[in-house]
Protein backbone atom coordinates (compact mmCIF):
# COMPACT_ATOMS: atom_id res chain seq x y z
CA UNK A 1 31.59 -55.31 -18.95
CA UNK A 2 32.11 -57.96 -21.30
CA UNK A 3 34.83 -60.94 -21.30
CA UNK A 4 36.70 -62.78 -23.28
CA UNK A 5 35.24 -65.68 -24.95
CA UNK A 6 37.74 -68.83 -23.92
CA UNK A 7 38.60 -66.69 -19.57
CA UNK A 8 40.46 -70.03 -18.53
CA UNK A 9 42.58 -70.24 -21.76
CA UNK A 10 43.39 -66.38 -21.97
CA UNK A 11 44.00 -66.11 -17.63
CA UNK A 12 46.51 -69.19 -18.78
CA UNK A 13 48.24 -66.71 -21.51
CA UNK A 14 48.08 -63.60 -19.59
CA UNK A 15 49.70 -65.98 -16.26
CA UNK A 16 52.20 -67.42 -18.97
CA UNK A 17 53.73 -64.23 -20.84
CA UNK A 18 52.83 -60.63 -18.94
CA UNK A 19 52.88 -60.06 -15.45
CA UNK A 20 49.99 -58.48 -15.15
CA UNK A 21 49.00 -58.85 -11.19
CA UNK A 22 45.93 -61.80 -10.30
CA UNK A 23 43.81 -59.18 -9.98
CA UNK A 24 44.08 -57.32 -12.95
CA UNK A 25 43.71 -60.85 -15.15
CA UNK A 26 40.90 -61.47 -13.02
CA UNK A 27 38.89 -58.39 -13.88
CA UNK A 28 39.76 -58.67 -17.08
CA UNK A 29 38.81 -62.69 -17.33
CA UNK A 30 35.71 -62.43 -15.32
CA UNK A 31 37.15 -65.32 -13.05
CA UNK A 32 38.26 -65.32 -9.35
CA UNK A 33 41.51 -63.67 -8.08
CA UNK A 34 41.80 -66.97 -6.18
CA UNK A 35 41.44 -68.97 -9.59
CA UNK A 36 43.67 -67.24 -11.50
CA UNK A 37 45.96 -67.72 -8.45
CA UNK A 38 45.29 -71.86 -8.63
CA UNK A 39 45.77 -71.26 -12.74
CA UNK A 40 49.46 -69.74 -11.28
CA UNK A 41 49.78 -72.70 -9.41
CA UNK A 42 49.22 -75.18 -11.78
CA UNK A 43 46.30 -76.12 -9.68
CA UNK A 44 43.51 -75.54 -12.75
CA UNK A 45 43.54 -75.69 -15.51
CA UNK A 46 46.56 -77.54 -16.26
CA UNK A 47 47.40 -78.40 -19.59
CA UNK A 48 45.17 -76.36 -21.02
CA UNK A 49 46.68 -74.32 -24.10
CA UNK A 50 46.73 -70.09 -23.52
CA UNK A 51 44.41 -68.27 -26.45
CA UNK A 52 46.56 -65.26 -26.79
CA UNK A 53 43.31 -61.97 -26.52
CA UNK A 54 46.17 -59.97 -28.89
CA UNK A 55 46.01 -62.07 -31.71
CA UNK A 56 41.73 -62.32 -31.21
CA UNK A 57 41.74 -58.71 -30.86
CA UNK A 58 40.36 -59.11 -27.99
CA UNK A 59 42.98 -57.16 -26.19
CA UNK A 60 45.07 -54.23 -28.30
CA UNK A 61 49.03 -53.87 -27.47
CA UNK A 62 48.54 -50.65 -26.40
CA UNK A 63 45.82 -51.24 -23.64
CA UNK A 64 48.33 -54.28 -22.50
CA UNK A 65 51.05 -51.95 -21.70
CA UNK A 66 49.27 -49.72 -20.04
CA UNK A 67 48.36 -52.12 -17.60
CA UNK A 68 51.79 -53.04 -17.25
CA UNK A 69 53.14 -50.04 -16.36
CA UNK A 70 50.05 -49.16 -13.50
CA UNK A 71 48.89 -52.06 -11.64
CA UNK A 72 45.54 -50.32 -10.38
CA UNK A 73 44.77 -50.06 -14.02
CA UNK A 74 41.94 -52.26 -15.60
CA UNK A 75 41.67 -53.80 -18.90
CA UNK A 76 39.24 -53.14 -21.28
CA UNK A 77 37.78 -55.26 -24.32
CA UNK A 78 39.22 -53.64 -27.65
CA UNK A 79 36.47 -52.98 -30.20
CA UNK A 80 35.23 -55.83 -32.30
CA UNK A 81 36.59 -54.95 -35.81
CA UNK A 82 34.69 -57.73 -37.46
CA UNK A 83 31.28 -57.77 -38.23
CA UNK A 84 28.05 -57.93 -35.93
CA UNK A 85 25.66 -60.48 -36.36
CA UNK A 86 22.18 -58.42 -35.96
CA UNK A 87 19.38 -58.39 -33.95
CA UNK A 88 16.83 -61.21 -35.05
CA UNK A 89 13.66 -58.15 -35.45
CA UNK A 90 10.69 -59.56 -33.07
CA UNK A 91 7.86 -62.45 -35.07
CA UNK A 92 7.17 -66.24 -34.04
CA UNK A 93 9.49 -67.94 -31.96
CA UNK A 94 11.44 -70.67 -33.78
CA UNK A 95 11.13 -73.61 -32.75
CA UNK A 96 13.85 -76.88 -33.35
CA UNK A 97 12.43 -79.77 -34.92
CA UNK A 98 13.25 -82.14 -32.29
CA UNK A 99 10.39 -80.25 -30.42
CA UNK A 100 7.89 -79.33 -32.81
CA UNK A 101 5.65 -82.28 -31.45
CA UNK A 102 5.29 -81.60 -28.48
CA UNK A 103 3.87 -77.61 -28.74
CA UNK A 104 0.08 -78.91 -29.22
CA UNK A 105 1.14 -80.86 -25.50
CA UNK A 106 1.94 -77.38 -24.02
CA UNK A 107 -0.79 -75.50 -25.67
CA UNK A 108 -3.45 -77.81 -23.98
CA UNK A 109 -1.25 -77.02 -20.61
CA UNK A 110 -1.67 -73.67 -21.23
CA UNK A 111 -5.01 -73.76 -21.95
CA UNK A 112 -6.13 -75.87 -19.28
CA UNK A 113 -4.01 -74.13 -16.44
CA UNK A 114 -3.85 -70.70 -17.60
CA UNK A 115 -7.06 -69.65 -19.50
CA UNK A 116 -6.73 -65.67 -18.90
CA UNK A 117 -3.86 -66.44 -21.83
CA UNK A 118 -4.55 -64.40 -25.25
CA UNK A 119 -3.64 -66.63 -28.87
CA UNK A 120 -1.09 -64.09 -29.21
CA UNK A 121 0.87 -64.71 -25.69
CA UNK A 122 0.14 -68.01 -26.47
CA UNK A 123 1.41 -68.16 -29.91
CA UNK A 124 4.18 -65.66 -28.93
CA UNK A 125 5.73 -68.19 -26.19
CA UNK A 126 5.57 -70.92 -27.99
CA UNK A 127 6.17 -70.67 -31.34
CA UNK A 128 2.93 -71.68 -32.43
CA UNK A 129 0.05 -70.55 -34.94
CA UNK A 130 -3.73 -69.03 -33.89
CA UNK A 131 -5.80 -71.95 -36.13
CA UNK A 132 -3.40 -74.81 -34.24
CA UNK A 133 -4.52 -73.10 -30.70
CA UNK A 134 -8.69 -72.96 -31.89
CA UNK A 135 -9.00 -76.58 -32.89
CA UNK A 136 -7.00 -77.66 -29.95
CA UNK A 137 -9.16 -75.52 -27.70
CA UNK A 138 -12.54 -76.66 -29.84
CA UNK A 139 -10.89 -80.07 -29.49
CA UNK A 140 -10.96 -80.62 -33.43
CA UNK A 141 -7.38 -80.86 -33.57
CA UNK A 142 -6.38 -84.19 -35.94
CA UNK A 143 -4.35 -85.32 -33.01
CA UNK A 144 -6.69 -84.42 -30.46
CA UNK A 145 -6.61 -88.29 -29.23
CA UNK A 146 -3.03 -88.12 -28.62
CA UNK A 147 -2.36 -84.56 -26.65
CA UNK A 148 -0.94 -85.34 -22.70
CA UNK A 149 -0.69 -81.58 -21.57
CA UNK A 150 2.77 -81.01 -20.57
CA UNK A 151 4.12 -77.56 -18.77
CA UNK A 152 6.20 -76.14 -21.61
CA UNK A 153 8.82 -75.23 -19.06
CA UNK A 154 9.40 -78.53 -18.86
CA UNK A 155 9.12 -79.16 -22.62
CA UNK A 156 12.07 -76.78 -22.96
CA UNK A 157 9.74 -74.25 -25.82
CA UNK A 158 9.85 -71.14 -23.16
CA UNK A 159 11.71 -70.28 -20.07
CA UNK A 160 9.43 -69.87 -16.61
CA UNK A 161 10.65 -66.29 -16.66
CA UNK A 162 8.79 -65.88 -19.35
CA UNK A 163 5.50 -67.58 -18.53
CA UNK A 164 5.41 -65.24 -15.77
CA UNK A 165 5.93 -62.57 -17.33
CA UNK A 166 2.83 -63.16 -19.30
CA UNK A 167 0.56 -64.63 -16.87
CA UNK A 168 0.90 -61.30 -15.19
CA UNK A 169 0.55 -59.43 -17.94
CA UNK A 170 -3.13 -61.47 -18.65
CA UNK A 171 -3.93 -61.32 -15.22
CA UNK A 172 -3.67 -57.37 -14.21
CA UNK A 173 -5.58 -56.72 -18.06
CA UNK A 174 -7.74 -58.97 -16.84
CA UNK A 175 -8.28 -57.62 -13.45
CA UNK A 176 -8.83 -53.85 -15.17
CA UNK A 177 -10.86 -54.78 -17.10
CA UNK A 178 -13.28 -56.18 -14.70
CA UNK A 179 -12.91 -53.28 -12.27
CA UNK A 180 -14.15 -51.10 -15.58
CA UNK A 181 -16.86 -53.65 -15.72
CA UNK A 182 -17.75 -53.13 -12.55
CA UNK A 183 -17.55 -49.18 -12.86
CA UNK A 184 -19.52 -49.30 -15.85
CA UNK A 185 -22.00 -51.00 -14.13
CA UNK A 186 -22.52 -49.25 -10.97
CA UNK A 187 -22.63 -46.06 -12.74
CA UNK A 188 -25.73 -47.61 -14.98
CA UNK A 189 -27.15 -48.14 -12.10
CA UNK A 190 -26.94 -45.17 -10.04
CA UNK A 191 -28.65 -43.63 -13.75
CA UNK A 192 -31.19 -46.07 -13.76
CA UNK A 193 -32.18 -44.65 -10.04
CA UNK A 194 -31.80 -41.06 -10.40
CA UNK A 195 -34.19 -41.43 -13.40
CA UNK A 196 -36.82 -43.18 -11.38
CA UNK A 197 -35.98 -40.61 -7.86
CA UNK A 198 -35.06 -43.57 -5.79
CA UNK A 199 -30.89 -42.11 -5.82
CA UNK A 200 -29.17 -43.93 -2.28
CA UNK A 201 -26.77 -41.90 -0.82
CA UNK A 202 -23.55 -43.81 -0.57
CA UNK A 203 -21.39 -44.77 2.83
CA UNK A 204 -19.80 -42.37 4.12
CA UNK A 205 -22.17 -39.49 2.42
CA UNK A 206 -24.79 -37.61 4.33
CA UNK A 207 -28.21 -37.12 2.31
CA UNK A 208 -28.71 -33.63 1.05
CA UNK A 209 -31.61 -31.68 2.58
CA UNK A 210 -34.80 -31.33 0.96
CA UNK A 211 -34.82 -28.50 -1.21
CA UNK A 212 -36.60 -25.51 0.27
CA UNK A 213 -37.16 -23.27 -2.94
CA UNK A 214 -40.14 -22.23 -3.90
CA UNK A 215 -41.41 -23.36 -7.13
CA UNK A 216 -41.63 -21.00 -9.86
CA UNK A 217 -44.75 -20.53 -11.16
CA UNK A 218 -45.27 -19.24 -14.58
CA UNK A 219 -48.00 -17.04 -16.43
CA UNK A 220 -50.49 -18.84 -18.67
CA UNK A 221 -50.54 -18.42 -22.19
CA UNK A 222 -52.81 -15.52 -23.42
CA UNK A 223 -56.10 -17.18 -25.52
CA UNK A 224 -56.95 -15.33 -28.15
CA UNK A 225 -60.05 -13.42 -28.62
CA UNK A 226 -62.76 -15.40 -30.97
CA UNK A 227 -63.33 -13.98 -34.29
CA UNK A 228 -66.29 -12.92 -36.14
CA UNK A 229 -67.41 -15.39 -39.13
CA UNK A 230 -69.21 -14.07 -42.19
CA UNK A 231 -72.61 -16.24 -42.75
CA UNK A 232 -72.31 -17.50 -46.00
CA UNK A 233 -74.02 -15.67 -49.14
CA UNK A 234 -74.82 -17.50 -52.21
CA UNK A 235 -73.76 -16.08 -55.22
CA UNK A 236 -75.56 -14.48 -57.15
CA UNK A 237 -76.75 -16.97 -60.82
CA UNK A 238 -78.65 -14.35 -63.14
CA UNK A 239 -81.52 -15.31 -64.60
CA UNK A 240 -82.24 -17.35 -67.78
CA UNK A 241 -83.42 -15.09 -70.71
CA UNK A 242 -86.80 -15.79 -72.53
CA UNK A 243 -84.70 -16.24 -76.42
CA UNK A 244 -82.31 -19.10 -74.58
CA UNK A 245 -85.01 -20.37 -73.27
CA UNK A 246 -87.57 -20.76 -76.63
CA UNK A 247 -84.42 -22.46 -78.10
CA UNK A 248 -83.45 -25.69 -75.44
CA UNK A 249 -87.52 -26.21 -76.16
CA UNK A 250 -86.62 -26.19 -79.87
CA UNK A 251 -84.10 -28.74 -79.74
CA UNK A 252 -85.10 -30.46 -76.98
CA UNK A 253 -85.93 -34.44 -78.11
CA UNK A 254 -89.72 -35.59 -78.35
CA UNK A 255 -89.50 -38.82 -76.51
CA UNK A 256 -93.42 -38.98 -75.35
CA UNK A 257 -95.03 -38.24 -79.05
CA UNK A 258 -93.34 -42.00 -80.03
CA UNK A 259 -94.79 -43.42 -77.42
CA UNK A 260 -98.26 -42.27 -77.64
CA UNK A 261 -99.14 -42.91 -80.87
CA UNK A 262 -101.69 -46.13 -81.24
CA UNK A 263 -102.00 -48.87 -83.52
CA UNK A 264 -105.10 -47.80 -85.47
CA UNK A 265 -102.97 -44.93 -86.73
CA UNK A 266 -100.43 -47.05 -88.70
CA UNK A 267 -100.97 -47.52 -92.52
CA UNK A 268 -102.89 -50.85 -93.36
CA UNK A 269 -100.66 -52.45 -95.84
CA UNK A 270 -102.19 -53.28 -99.57
CA UNK A 271 -103.34 -56.55 -100.63
CA UNK A 272 -101.11 -59.00 -102.65
CA UNK A 273 -103.26 -60.43 -105.30
CA UNK A 274 -102.35 -63.94 -104.53
CA UNK A 275 -104.90 -62.64 -101.08
CA UNK A 276 -107.42 -61.72 -103.81
CA UNK A 277 -107.83 -65.00 -105.79
CA UNK A 278 -107.74 -66.91 -102.53
CA UNK A 279 -110.67 -64.71 -102.01
CA UNK A 280 -112.15 -65.46 -104.82
């Protein structure tokens, strides 16, 4: 149930200006009944100025009149008429400027003590970026020599509840991943053993008796009978006519007549006049 913004000041005004019971005022302001009685006795909130809940829009006049008429009625807060602030969308956590220099120390602490956390979880917890996380993990950060791991809860960058929730989620994810890998590995080993014909019964299982079913027999495939192969016959070549033979002999080149000629058959050149004068 919502309560006034300033419960003690509102209780002071209701005690001084209304006839509501201590129980009604305590229920409306979120205080203990004895504390309201101490305010009425002047032992608590001495000198505190009361705050009118009707003027501030926290209580309506009709609701106050209804409570004055019946002491068993519990007063209810009036619905606000002013525009309410919009909820901030999900995104990177805002880190105050005064604490931004402490983020590398918190990142180093998380990487050392909770390596199961993902970069997205660390980024959401502290409000940093993945390149910064990778730089600190690989010790490539520009200020690595001055980084000292410190708990982000102690630095005020996140609450203990948020850190525990993120760590629990990461551990459960790692446990499920390990169980799935073990299951896949066991199935692979079983498949390999089955392929080798050496499947061993698991614990608590009775090995299956050997099968006594007869081995099925299949008829041998029919072999076709050999077929007779006809002998190869030379093709019939018609005889060459006599006229064609004579034509071939006529047009045949006389290759041997030139080589058979002797130097004696060659004509003797006629003597020149110069040669006759020399002989005289």
